Amino acid sequence: MAKIGLFDLENHFAFYGAYHSNPVNIFIHMLFVWPILFTSLVILYFTPPLVNLDFLPYSLVLNYGFLFTVIYAGFYVGLDVKAGSFAGLLCFLCWVFGSFVAQHLGFSLAWKVVLAAQIFCWTGQFIGHGIFEKRAPALLDNLTQAFLMAPFFVLLETLQMVVSYEPYPGFHASVKAKVDANIEEWKESKQKKSS
């Protein structure tokens, strides 16, 4: 069943999908979006703890990385319980493994690894947009929505391709119609600006 407002998956997915309709660009995002999330959690490991819990393993700290993980996981579950729960689990796994990697590397090496990975992954995505999509990334129009939706978008794309998953019957057809309309509107706007 479709939801409205903040948890309107169809509108979020259609917005993001309008910027990611080229199959090569989608594939590039599938490769690079989750590593961006993972490496962000690695560097956030070094933020101060929000709460001290002595029973957690040494590497796990309830810091900003944990807070962002909870926000992302909660948002995804609110969008779609099944795929959102899977995405939430992946977020928590990224936080756990990212914490262990960060603790093992230490800050002086971790920030260099994270910087290199982020530059590589972001470059790949910008190439995907510039060469294949021929449209600026979604983050230039809605930074928050693009950062929040990117991991869930590529997960839903993967689930749809691999197991034909739909959050509810008719979801992909409805999203495709909205994406096509958005792309057509963008093309018309682009044409008016150039003439």
N, C-alpha and C. Protein backbone atom coordinates (compact mmCIF):
# COMPACT_ATOMS: atom_id res chain seq x y z
N MET A 1 0.84 -1.19 0.00
CA MET A 1 0.00 0.00 0.00
C MET A 1 0.88 1.25 0.00
N ALA A 2 0.52 2.22 -0.80
CA ALA A 2 1.29 3.46 -0.91
C ALA A 2 1.15 4.29 0.37
N LYS A 3 2.24 4.97 0.73
CA LYS A 3 2.25 5.84 1.90
C LYS A 3 2.38 7.27 1.43
N ILE A 4 2.15 8.21 2.33
CA ILE A 4 2.25 9.62 1.96
C ILE A 4 3.29 10.32 2.83
N GLY A 5 3.68 11.51 2.41
CA GLY A 5 4.60 12.33 3.21
C GLY A 5 6.02 11.81 3.19
N LEU A 6 6.65 11.89 4.36
CA LEU A 6 8.05 11.51 4.50
C LEU A 6 8.30 10.06 4.07
N PHE A 7 7.33 9.19 4.28
CA PHE A 7 7.52 7.77 3.99
C PHE A 7 6.85 7.35 2.67
N ASP A 8 6.68 8.29 1.76
CA ASP A 8 6.11 8.01 0.45
C ASP A 8 7.22 7.44 -0.45
N LEU A 9 7.38 6.14 -0.39
CA LEU A 9 8.45 5.46 -1.13
C LEU A 9 8.33 5.71 -2.63
N GLU A 10 7.12 5.70 -3.13
CA GLU A 10 6.92 5.87 -4.58
C GLU A 10 7.47 7.21 -5.06
N ASN A 11 7.16 8.28 -4.34
CA ASN A 11 7.66 9.60 -4.76
C ASN A 11 9.17 9.73 -4.57
N HIS A 12 9.69 9.20 -3.45
CA HIS A 12 11.14 9.22 -3.24
C HIS A 12 11.85 8.45 -4.35
N PHE A 13 11.34 7.27 -4.64
CA PHE A 13 11.97 6.41 -5.63
C PHE A 13 11.87 7.03 -7.02
N ALA A 14 10.73 7.67 -7.32
CA ALA A 14 10.55 8.32 -8.63
C ALA A 14 11.50 9.51 -8.76
N PHE A 15 11.66 10.30 -7.70
CA PHE A 15 12.60 11.43 -7.74
C PHE A 15 14.00 10.92 -8.04
N TYR A 16 14.44 9.94 -7.26
CA TYR A 16 15.79 9.43 -7.43
C TYR A 16 15.94 8.71 -8.77
N GLY A 17 14.92 7.97 -9.16
CA GLY A 17 14.96 7.23 -10.42
C GLY A 17 15.04 8.12 -11.64
N ALA A 18 14.49 9.33 -11.56
CA ALA A 18 14.55 10.26 -12.69
C ALA A 18 15.99 10.70 -12.98
N TYR A 19 16.85 10.58 -12.00
CA TYR A 19 18.26 10.94 -12.16
C TYR A 19 19.12 9.70 -12.45
N HIS A 20 18.48 8.54 -12.43
CA HIS A 20 19.20 7.28 -12.60
C HIS A 20 18.37 6.34 -13.47
N SER A 21 18.29 6.68 -14.76
CA SER A 21 17.51 5.84 -15.68
C SER A 21 18.40 5.07 -16.64
N ASN A 22 19.65 5.49 -16.77
CA ASN A 22 20.58 4.80 -17.65
C ASN A 22 21.12 3.54 -16.96
N PRO A 23 21.04 2.36 -17.59
CA PRO A 23 21.47 1.12 -16.94
C PRO A 23 22.93 1.13 -16.48
N VAL A 24 23.81 1.76 -17.24
CA VAL A 24 25.23 1.81 -16.84
C VAL A 24 25.38 2.67 -15.59
N ASN A 25 24.70 3.80 -15.56
CA ASN A 25 24.76 4.67 -14.39
C ASN A 25 24.18 3.97 -13.16
N ILE A 26 23.08 3.26 -13.34
CA ILE A 26 22.49 2.50 -12.23
C ILE A 26 23.50 1.47 -11.72
N PHE A 27 24.15 0.75 -12.63
CA PHE A 27 25.14 -0.25 -12.24
C PHE A 27 26.30 0.38 -11.47
N ILE A 28 26.77 1.53 -11.95
CA ILE A 28 27.86 2.24 -11.27
C ILE A 28 27.43 2.59 -9.85
N HIS A 29 26.20 3.05 -9.69
CA HIS A 29 25.71 3.38 -8.36
C HIS A 29 25.58 2.13 -7.48
N MET A 30 25.18 1.03 -8.09
CA MET A 30 25.10 -0.23 -7.33
C MET A 30 26.47 -0.62 -6.79
N LEU A 31 27.51 -0.33 -7.54
CA LEU A 31 28.87 -0.65 -7.10
C LEU A 31 29.38 0.29 -6.02
N PHE A 32 29.02 1.57 -6.09
CA PHE A 32 29.70 2.57 -5.27
C PHE A 32 28.90 3.16 -4.10
N VAL A 33 27.58 3.08 -4.12
CA VAL A 33 26.80 3.75 -3.06
C VAL A 33 27.03 3.12 -1.68
N TRP A 34 26.94 1.81 -1.59
CA TRP A 34 27.12 1.18 -0.28
C TRP A 34 28.55 1.32 0.25
N PRO A 35 29.59 1.26 -0.60
CA PRO A 35 30.93 1.56 -0.08
C PRO A 35 31.07 2.99 0.45
N ILE A 36 30.35 3.94 -0.13
CA ILE A 36 30.37 5.31 0.40
C ILE A 36 29.76 5.33 1.80
N LEU A 37 28.63 4.64 1.96
CA LEU A 37 28.01 4.55 3.29
C LEU A 37 28.95 3.87 4.28
N PHE A 38 29.53 2.75 3.86
CA PHE A 38 30.42 2.00 4.74
C PHE A 38 31.62 2.84 5.18
N THR A 39 32.29 3.49 4.24
CA THR A 39 33.48 4.26 4.60
C THR A 39 33.11 5.50 5.42
N SER A 40 31.90 6.03 5.22
CA SER A 40 31.44 7.14 6.07
C SER A 40 31.31 6.67 7.51
N LEU A 41 30.81 5.46 7.69
CA LEU A 41 30.69 4.90 9.04
C LEU A 41 32.05 4.60 9.65
N VAL A 42 33.02 4.24 8.80
CA VAL A 42 34.38 4.01 9.30
C VAL A 42 34.92 5.30 9.92
N ILE A 43 34.79 6.41 9.22
CA ILE A 43 35.35 7.66 9.75
C ILE A 43 34.52 8.19 10.92
N LEU A 44 33.22 7.93 10.91
CA LEU A 44 32.37 8.37 12.02
C LEU A 44 32.65 7.59 13.31
N TYR A 45 33.37 6.49 13.19
CA TYR A 45 33.77 5.73 14.38
C TYR A 45 34.57 6.62 15.34
N PHE A 46 35.28 7.58 14.79
CA PHE A 46 36.18 8.41 15.60
C PHE A 46 35.47 9.62 16.22
N THR A 47 34.16 9.70 16.09
CA THR A 47 33.41 10.75 16.78
C THR A 47 33.20 10.34 18.23
N PRO A 48 32.98 11.31 19.12
CA PRO A 48 32.83 10.97 20.54
C PRO A 48 31.59 10.14 20.81
N PRO A 49 31.65 9.29 21.82
CA PRO A 49 30.46 8.48 22.16
C PRO A 49 29.32 9.36 22.64
N LEU A 50 28.11 9.00 22.25
CA LEU A 50 26.91 9.69 22.73
C LEU A 50 26.46 9.09 24.06
N VAL A 51 26.70 7.79 24.21
CA VAL A 51 26.36 7.04 25.43
C VAL A 51 27.45 6.01 25.64
N ASN A 52 27.86 5.83 26.89
CA ASN A 52 28.85 4.79 27.20
C ASN A 52 28.15 3.55 27.72
N LEU A 53 28.31 2.45 27.01
CA LEU A 53 27.77 1.16 27.45
C LEU A 53 28.93 0.19 27.56
N ASP A 54 29.24 -0.22 28.76
CA ASP A 54 30.41 -1.07 29.00
C ASP A 54 30.26 -2.49 28.48
N PHE A 55 29.02 -2.95 28.27
CA PHE A 55 28.84 -4.34 27.86
C PHE A 55 29.07 -4.56 26.36
N LEU A 56 29.19 -3.48 25.58
CA LEU A 56 29.44 -3.63 24.14
C LEU A 56 30.89 -4.05 23.91
N PRO A 57 31.14 -4.82 22.84
CA PRO A 57 32.53 -5.14 22.50
C PRO A 57 33.33 -3.86 22.32
N TYR A 58 34.62 -3.94 22.54
CA TYR A 58 35.50 -2.77 22.54
C TYR A 58 35.36 -1.91 21.30
N SER A 59 35.18 -2.53 20.14
CA SER A 59 35.14 -1.77 18.89
C SER A 59 33.83 -1.03 18.67
N LEU A 60 32.77 -1.43 19.36
CA LEU A 60 31.47 -0.82 19.12
C LEU A 60 31.23 0.34 20.08
N VAL A 61 30.99 1.50 19.49
CA VAL A 61 30.78 2.72 20.27
C VAL A 61 29.49 3.36 19.78
N LEU A 62 28.63 3.75 20.72
CA LEU A 62 27.38 4.41 20.34
C LEU A 62 27.68 5.89 20.09
N ASN A 63 28.16 6.16 18.88
CA ASN A 63 28.59 7.51 18.49
C ASN A 63 27.71 8.00 17.33
N TYR A 64 28.19 9.00 16.61
CA TYR A 64 27.41 9.53 15.48
C TYR A 64 27.23 8.49 14.38
N GLY A 65 28.19 7.61 14.20
CA GLY A 65 28.03 6.53 13.23
C GLY A 65 26.83 5.66 13.58
N PHE A 66 26.69 5.33 14.86
CA PHE A 66 25.55 4.55 15.33
C PHE A 66 24.25 5.33 15.14
N LEU A 67 24.28 6.62 15.48
CA LEU A 67 23.08 7.45 15.34
C LEU A 67 22.61 7.50 13.89
N PHE A 68 23.54 7.73 12.96
CA PHE A 68 23.17 7.75 11.54
C PHE A 68 22.65 6.39 11.09
N THR A 69 23.24 5.33 11.60
CA THR A 69 22.78 3.98 11.26
C THR A 69 21.34 3.78 11.69
N VAL A 70 21.01 4.20 12.91
CA VAL A 70 19.64 4.07 13.43
C VAL A 70 18.68 4.90 12.58
N ILE A 71 19.07 6.13 12.23
CA ILE A 71 18.21 7.00 11.41
C ILE A 71 17.96 6.37 10.04
N TYR A 72 19.02 5.93 9.38
CA TYR A 72 18.87 5.31 8.06
C TYR A 72 18.00 4.05 8.15
N ALA A 73 18.31 3.18 9.10
CA ALA A 73 17.56 1.92 9.24
C ALA A 73 16.09 2.20 9.53
N GLY A 74 15.82 3.11 10.45
CA GLY A 74 14.44 3.45 10.79
C GLY A 74 13.68 4.04 9.60
N PHE A 75 14.35 4.91 8.85
CA PHE A 75 13.73 5.52 7.67
C PHE A 75 13.39 4.45 6.64
N TYR A 76 14.32 3.52 6.41
CA TYR A 76 14.08 2.48 5.41
C TYR A 76 12.94 1.55 5.82
N VAL A 77 12.86 1.19 7.10
CA VAL A 77 11.76 0.35 7.57
C VAL A 77 10.43 1.09 7.42
N GLY A 78 10.45 2.41 7.68
CA GLY A 78 9.24 3.22 7.50
C GLY A 78 8.79 3.30 6.05
N LEU A 79 9.74 3.22 5.11
CA LEU A 79 9.40 3.24 3.69
C LEU A 79 8.78 1.93 3.23
N ASP A 80 9.37 0.82 3.66
CA ASP A 80 8.90 -0.51 3.25
C ASP A 80 9.41 -1.52 4.26
N VAL A 81 8.53 -2.21 4.95
CA VAL A 81 8.93 -3.08 6.06
C VAL A 81 9.87 -4.19 5.60
N LYS A 82 9.54 -4.87 4.51
CA LYS A 82 10.37 -6.02 4.09
C LYS A 82 11.74 -5.58 3.61
N ALA A 83 11.79 -4.81 2.52
CA ALA A 83 13.08 -4.36 1.99
C ALA A 83 13.77 -3.43 2.96
N GLY A 84 13.00 -2.63 3.70
CA GLY A 84 13.56 -1.71 4.68
C GLY A 84 14.25 -2.42 5.82
N SER A 85 13.68 -3.55 6.24
CA SER A 85 14.32 -4.34 7.31
C SER A 85 15.64 -4.92 6.81
N PHE A 86 15.65 -5.37 5.57
CA PHE A 86 16.89 -5.89 4.98
C PHE A 86 17.92 -4.77 4.87
N ALA A 87 17.48 -3.60 4.40
CA ALA A 87 18.39 -2.44 4.29
C ALA A 87 18.89 -2.03 5.66
N GLY A 88 18.00 -2.04 6.66
CA GLY A 88 18.39 -1.70 8.03
C GLY A 88 19.44 -2.66 8.57
N LEU A 89 19.25 -3.95 8.28
CA LEU A 89 20.24 -4.95 8.68
C LEU A 89 21.58 -4.67 8.02
N LEU A 90 21.56 -4.36 6.73
CA LEU A 90 22.80 -4.03 6.01
C LEU A 90 23.47 -2.79 6.61
N CYS A 91 22.67 -1.80 6.99
CA CYS A 91 23.23 -0.60 7.64
C CYS A 91 23.93 -0.96 8.95
N PHE A 92 23.28 -1.79 9.76
CA PHE A 92 23.90 -2.19 11.03
C PHE A 92 25.14 -3.04 10.81
N LEU A 93 25.13 -3.90 9.80
CA LEU A 93 26.33 -4.67 9.48
C LEU A 93 27.46 -3.75 9.04
N CYS A 94 27.13 -2.72 8.26
CA CYS A 94 28.15 -1.73 7.86
C CYS A 94 28.71 -1.03 9.08
N TRP A 95 27.84 -0.68 10.03
CA TRP A 95 28.30 0.00 11.25
C TRP A 95 29.22 -0.92 12.07
N VAL A 96 28.81 -2.18 12.24
CA VAL A 96 29.62 -3.12 13.03
C VAL A 96 30.97 -3.35 12.37
N PHE A 97 30.97 -3.72 11.08
CA PHE A 97 32.23 -4.00 10.40
C PHE A 97 33.06 -2.73 10.21
N GLY A 98 32.39 -1.62 9.95
CA GLY A 98 33.09 -0.35 9.85
C GLY A 98 33.79 0.02 11.14
N SER A 99 33.14 -0.28 12.27
CA SER A 99 33.74 -0.01 13.59
C SER A 99 34.98 -0.87 13.80
N PHE A 100 34.88 -2.14 13.43
CA PHE A 100 36.05 -3.03 13.59
C PHE A 100 37.20 -2.60 12.67
N VAL A 101 36.87 -2.22 11.44
CA VAL A 101 37.91 -1.76 10.51
C VAL A 101 38.57 -0.49 11.06
N ALA A 102 37.76 0.46 11.51
CA ALA A 102 38.29 1.73 12.04
C ALA A 102 39.16 1.49 13.26
N GLN A 103 38.70 0.64 14.15
CA GLN A 103 39.47 0.36 15.37
C GLN A 103 40.79 -0.32 15.02
N HIS A 104 40.75 -1.19 14.04
CA HIS A 104 41.96 -1.91 13.61
C HIS A 104 42.95 -0.97 12.92
N LEU A 105 42.45 -0.08 12.04
CA LEU A 105 43.33 0.81 11.28
C LEU A 105 43.87 1.96 12.13
N GLY A 106 43.05 2.45 13.05
CA GLY A 106 43.42 3.66 13.78
C GLY A 106 43.15 4.88 12.93
N PHE A 107 42.98 6.03 13.57
CA PHE A 107 42.58 7.23 12.85
C PHE A 107 43.58 7.65 11.78
N SER A 108 44.88 7.58 12.08
CA SER A 108 45.89 8.10 11.15
C SER A 108 45.89 7.36 9.81
N LEU A 109 45.52 6.09 9.79
CA LEU A 109 45.43 5.36 8.53
C LEU A 109 44.00 5.36 7.99
N ALA A 110 43.02 5.28 8.89
CA ALA A 110 41.61 5.18 8.47
C ALA A 110 41.17 6.37 7.63
N TRP A 111 41.55 7.59 8.03
CA TRP A 111 41.07 8.74 7.27
C TRP A 111 41.66 8.74 5.86
N LYS A 112 42.87 8.22 5.68
CA LYS A 112 43.48 8.16 4.35
C LYS A 112 42.76 7.12 3.48
N VAL A 113 42.45 5.97 4.07
CA VAL A 113 41.73 4.92 3.35
C VAL A 113 40.34 5.42 2.96
N VAL A 114 39.66 6.06 3.92
CA VAL A 114 38.31 6.58 3.67
C VAL A 114 38.35 7.65 2.59
N LEU A 115 39.30 8.56 2.65
CA LEU A 115 39.41 9.63 1.66
C LEU A 115 39.62 9.04 0.26
N ALA A 116 40.54 8.08 0.14
CA ALA A 116 40.80 7.45 -1.16
C ALA A 116 39.56 6.74 -1.68
N ALA A 117 38.87 5.99 -0.81
CA ALA A 117 37.67 5.26 -1.22
C ALA A 117 36.56 6.22 -1.63
N GLN A 118 36.38 7.28 -0.85
CA GLN A 118 35.33 8.26 -1.16
C GLN A 118 35.60 8.95 -2.50
N ILE A 119 36.83 9.37 -2.71
CA ILE A 119 37.18 10.03 -3.98
C ILE A 119 36.94 9.08 -5.16
N PHE A 120 37.36 7.84 -5.02
CA PHE A 120 37.19 6.85 -6.07
C PHE A 120 35.70 6.62 -6.36
N CYS A 121 34.91 6.39 -5.31
CA CYS A 121 33.49 6.09 -5.49
C CYS A 121 32.70 7.28 -6.02
N TRP A 122 32.98 8.48 -5.49
CA TRP A 122 32.28 9.67 -5.98
C TRP A 122 32.67 9.98 -7.42
N THR A 123 33.93 9.79 -7.77
CA THR A 123 34.37 10.02 -9.14
C THR A 123 33.62 9.09 -10.09
N GLY A 124 33.52 7.82 -9.71
CA GLY A 124 32.78 6.86 -10.52
C GLY A 124 31.35 7.28 -10.75
N GLN A 125 30.70 7.78 -9.69
CA GLN A 125 29.30 8.20 -9.82
C GLN A 125 29.16 9.44 -10.70
N PHE A 126 30.08 10.39 -10.55
CA PHE A 126 30.01 11.58 -11.39
C PHE A 126 30.27 11.23 -12.86
N ILE A 127 31.16 10.28 -13.09
CA ILE A 127 31.37 9.79 -14.46
C ILE A 127 30.09 9.15 -15.00
N GLY A 128 29.43 8.36 -14.15
CA GLY A 128 28.17 7.74 -14.54
C GLY A 128 27.13 8.77 -14.95
N HIS A 129 27.07 9.87 -14.21
CA HIS A 129 26.10 10.91 -14.55
C HIS A 129 26.52 11.70 -15.78
N GLY A 130 27.80 12.05 -15.85
CA GLY A 130 28.28 12.89 -16.95
C GLY A 130 28.31 12.19 -18.28
N ILE A 131 28.78 10.94 -18.30
CA ILE A 131 28.96 10.23 -19.56
C ILE A 131 27.72 9.43 -19.97
N PHE A 132 27.11 8.74 -19.01
CA PHE A 132 26.02 7.82 -19.36
C PHE A 132 24.63 8.41 -19.15
N GLU A 133 24.40 9.03 -17.98
CA GLU A 133 23.08 9.60 -17.69
C GLU A 133 22.88 10.93 -18.40
N LYS A 134 23.97 11.68 -18.54
CA LYS A 134 23.93 13.02 -19.13
C LYS A 134 22.98 13.95 -18.37
N ARG A 135 22.96 13.76 -17.04
CA ARG A 135 22.14 14.59 -16.16
C ARG A 135 22.87 14.73 -14.83
N ALA A 136 22.83 15.92 -14.27
CA ALA A 136 23.50 16.15 -12.98
C ALA A 136 22.93 15.22 -11.91
N PRO A 137 23.72 14.87 -10.90
CA PRO A 137 23.24 13.99 -9.84
C PRO A 137 22.07 14.60 -9.07
N ALA A 138 21.27 13.74 -8.45
CA ALA A 138 20.12 14.17 -7.66
C ALA A 138 20.54 15.05 -6.49
N LEU A 139 21.73 14.84 -5.98
CA LEU A 139 22.17 15.59 -4.81
C LEU A 139 22.27 17.08 -5.08
N LEU A 140 22.36 17.48 -6.34
CA LEU A 140 22.41 18.91 -6.66
C LEU A 140 21.04 19.56 -6.53
N ASP A 141 19.97 18.77 -6.59
CA ASP A 141 18.62 19.30 -6.44
C ASP A 141 18.03 19.06 -5.05
N ASN A 142 18.44 17.99 -4.39
CA ASN A 142 17.91 17.68 -3.06
C ASN A 142 18.95 16.83 -2.33
N LEU A 143 19.85 17.50 -1.66
CA LEU A 143 20.99 16.85 -1.00
C LEU A 143 20.56 15.80 0.02
N THR A 144 19.66 16.18 0.91
CA THR A 144 19.23 15.26 1.97
C THR A 144 18.56 14.03 1.39
N GLN A 145 17.61 14.26 0.48
CA GLN A 145 16.87 13.14 -0.09
C GLN A 145 17.80 12.22 -0.87
N ALA A 146 18.76 12.80 -1.58
CA ALA A 146 19.67 11.97 -2.37
C ALA A 146 20.55 11.11 -1.46
N PHE A 147 21.07 11.69 -0.39
CA PHE A 147 21.92 10.91 0.52
C PHE A 147 21.12 9.84 1.26
N LEU A 148 19.91 10.18 1.67
CA LEU A 148 19.08 9.20 2.38
C LEU A 148 18.62 8.08 1.47
N MET A 149 18.22 8.42 0.24
CA MET A 149 17.61 7.42 -0.64
C MET A 149 18.61 6.57 -1.41
N ALA A 150 19.81 7.07 -1.62
CA ALA A 150 20.76 6.36 -2.50
C ALA A 150 20.96 4.89 -2.11
N PRO A 151 21.29 4.57 -0.85
CA PRO A 151 21.49 3.15 -0.52
C PRO A 151 20.22 2.32 -0.71
N PHE A 152 19.07 2.89 -0.34
CA PHE A 152 17.83 2.13 -0.48
C PHE A 152 17.43 1.98 -1.94
N PHE A 153 17.67 3.02 -2.73
CA PHE A 153 17.37 2.96 -4.17
C PHE A 153 18.13 1.81 -4.83
N VAL A 154 19.44 1.75 -4.61
CA VAL A 154 20.20 0.70 -5.29
C VAL A 154 19.85 -0.69 -4.75
N LEU A 155 19.48 -0.77 -3.47
CA LEU A 155 19.04 -2.06 -2.92
C LEU A 155 17.73 -2.49 -3.57
N LEU A 156 16.77 -1.57 -3.68
CA LEU A 156 15.50 -1.91 -4.32
C LEU A 156 15.69 -2.27 -5.79
N GLU A 157 16.57 -1.54 -6.48
CA GLU A 157 16.87 -1.87 -7.88
C GLU A 157 17.43 -3.30 -7.97
N THR A 158 18.34 -3.64 -7.07
CA THR A 158 18.94 -4.97 -7.06
C THR A 158 17.88 -6.03 -6.76
N LEU A 159 17.05 -5.80 -5.75
CA LEU A 159 16.00 -6.77 -5.40
C LEU A 159 15.00 -6.94 -6.54
N GLN A 160 14.71 -5.83 -7.24
CA GLN A 160 13.78 -5.92 -8.36
C GLN A 160 14.40 -6.75 -9.49
N MET A 161 15.68 -6.52 -9.77
CA MET A 161 16.35 -7.27 -10.85
C MET A 161 16.53 -8.74 -10.52
N VAL A 162 16.92 -9.02 -9.28
CA VAL A 162 17.27 -10.39 -8.90
C VAL A 162 16.05 -11.25 -8.59
N VAL A 163 15.10 -10.70 -7.82
CA VAL A 163 13.95 -11.52 -7.39
C VAL A 163 12.60 -10.89 -7.75
N SER A 164 12.60 -9.89 -8.65
CA SER A 164 11.38 -9.19 -9.08
C SER A 164 10.57 -8.63 -7.91
N TYR A 165 11.27 -8.11 -6.91
CA TYR A 165 10.60 -7.60 -5.71
C TYR A 165 9.89 -6.28 -6.00
N GLU A 166 8.67 -6.17 -5.49
CA GLU A 166 7.91 -4.93 -5.52
C GLU A 166 7.38 -4.70 -4.11
N PRO A 167 7.51 -3.48 -3.58
CA PRO A 167 6.96 -3.21 -2.25
C PRO A 167 5.46 -3.48 -2.17
N TYR A 168 4.76 -3.22 -3.27
CA TYR A 168 3.34 -3.55 -3.38
C TYR A 168 3.01 -3.67 -4.87
N PRO A 169 1.96 -4.39 -5.22
CA PRO A 169 1.63 -4.58 -6.64
C PRO A 169 1.43 -3.25 -7.36
N GLY A 170 2.06 -3.13 -8.52
CA GLY A 170 1.94 -1.93 -9.33
C GLY A 170 2.96 -0.85 -9.00
N PHE A 171 3.82 -1.09 -8.01
CA PHE A 171 4.79 -0.09 -7.58
C PHE A 171 5.71 0.33 -8.73
N HIS A 172 6.34 -0.63 -9.39
CA HIS A 172 7.31 -0.30 -10.43
C HIS A 172 6.66 0.37 -11.65
N ALA A 173 5.45 -0.05 -11.99
CA ALA A 173 4.76 0.59 -13.12
C ALA A 173 4.43 2.04 -12.79
N SER A 174 3.97 2.29 -11.58
CA SER A 174 3.64 3.64 -11.16
C SER A 174 4.89 4.53 -11.09
N VAL A 175 5.97 3.97 -10.55
CA VAL A 175 7.23 4.71 -10.46
C VAL A 175 7.76 5.01 -11.86
N LYS A 176 7.70 4.02 -12.75
CA LYS A 176 8.20 4.23 -14.12
C LYS A 176 7.44 5.37 -14.81
N ALA A 177 6.14 5.43 -14.62
CA ALA A 177 5.35 6.50 -15.23
C ALA A 177 5.79 7.86 -14.67
N LYS A 178 6.02 7.94 -13.37
CA LYS A 178 6.47 9.20 -12.76
C LYS A 178 7.88 9.57 -13.21
N VAL A 179 8.75 8.58 -13.31
CA VAL A 179 10.12 8.82 -13.77
C VAL A 179 10.11 9.33 -15.20
N ASP A 180 9.35 8.67 -16.06
CA ASP A 180 9.26 9.09 -17.47
C ASP A 180 8.73 10.51 -17.58
N ALA A 181 7.71 10.85 -16.78
CA ALA A 181 7.15 12.20 -16.80
C ALA A 181 8.18 13.21 -16.31
N ASN A 182 8.93 12.87 -15.27
CA ASN A 182 9.96 13.77 -14.73
C ASN A 182 11.06 14.01 -15.76
N ILE A 183 11.50 12.94 -16.41
CA ILE A 183 12.56 13.06 -17.41
C ILE A 183 12.08 13.91 -18.59
N GLU A 184 10.84 13.70 -19.02
CA GLU A 184 10.29 14.48 -20.12
C GLU A 184 10.22 15.96 -19.75
N GLU A 185 9.78 16.24 -18.53
CA GLU A 185 9.71 17.63 -18.05
C GLU A 185 11.10 18.26 -18.00
N TRP A 186 12.09 17.48 -17.54
CA TRP A 186 13.47 17.97 -17.47
C TRP A 186 14.01 18.27 -18.88
N LYS A 187 13.72 17.38 -19.83
CA LYS A 187 14.19 17.59 -21.21
C LYS A 187 13.56 18.84 -21.82
N GLU A 188 12.26 19.04 -21.57
CA GLU A 188 11.59 20.23 -22.09
C GLU A 188 12.18 21.49 -21.46
N SER A 189 12.44 21.45 -20.17
CA SER A 189 13.03 22.59 -19.47
C SER A 189 14.43 22.89 -20.01
N LYS A 190 15.20 21.82 -20.27
CA LYS A 190 16.54 21.97 -20.81
C LYS A 190 16.49 22.57 -22.20
N GLN A 191 15.52 22.14 -23.01
CA GLN A 191 15.37 22.65 -24.37
C GLN A 191 15.00 24.14 -24.36
N LYS A 192 14.12 24.56 -23.45
CA LYS A 192 13.71 25.96 -23.35
C LYS A 192 14.90 26.84 -22.98
N LYS A 193 15.76 26.34 -22.07
CA LYS A 193 16.93 27.11 -21.65
C LYS A 193 17.93 27.27 -22.78
N SER A 194 18.06 26.25 -23.62
CA SER A 194 19.05 26.31 -24.70
C SER A 194 18.56 27.10 -25.93
N SER A 195 17.24 27.32 -26.01
CA SER A 195 16.73 28.05 -27.19
C SER A 195 16.51 29.53 -26.90
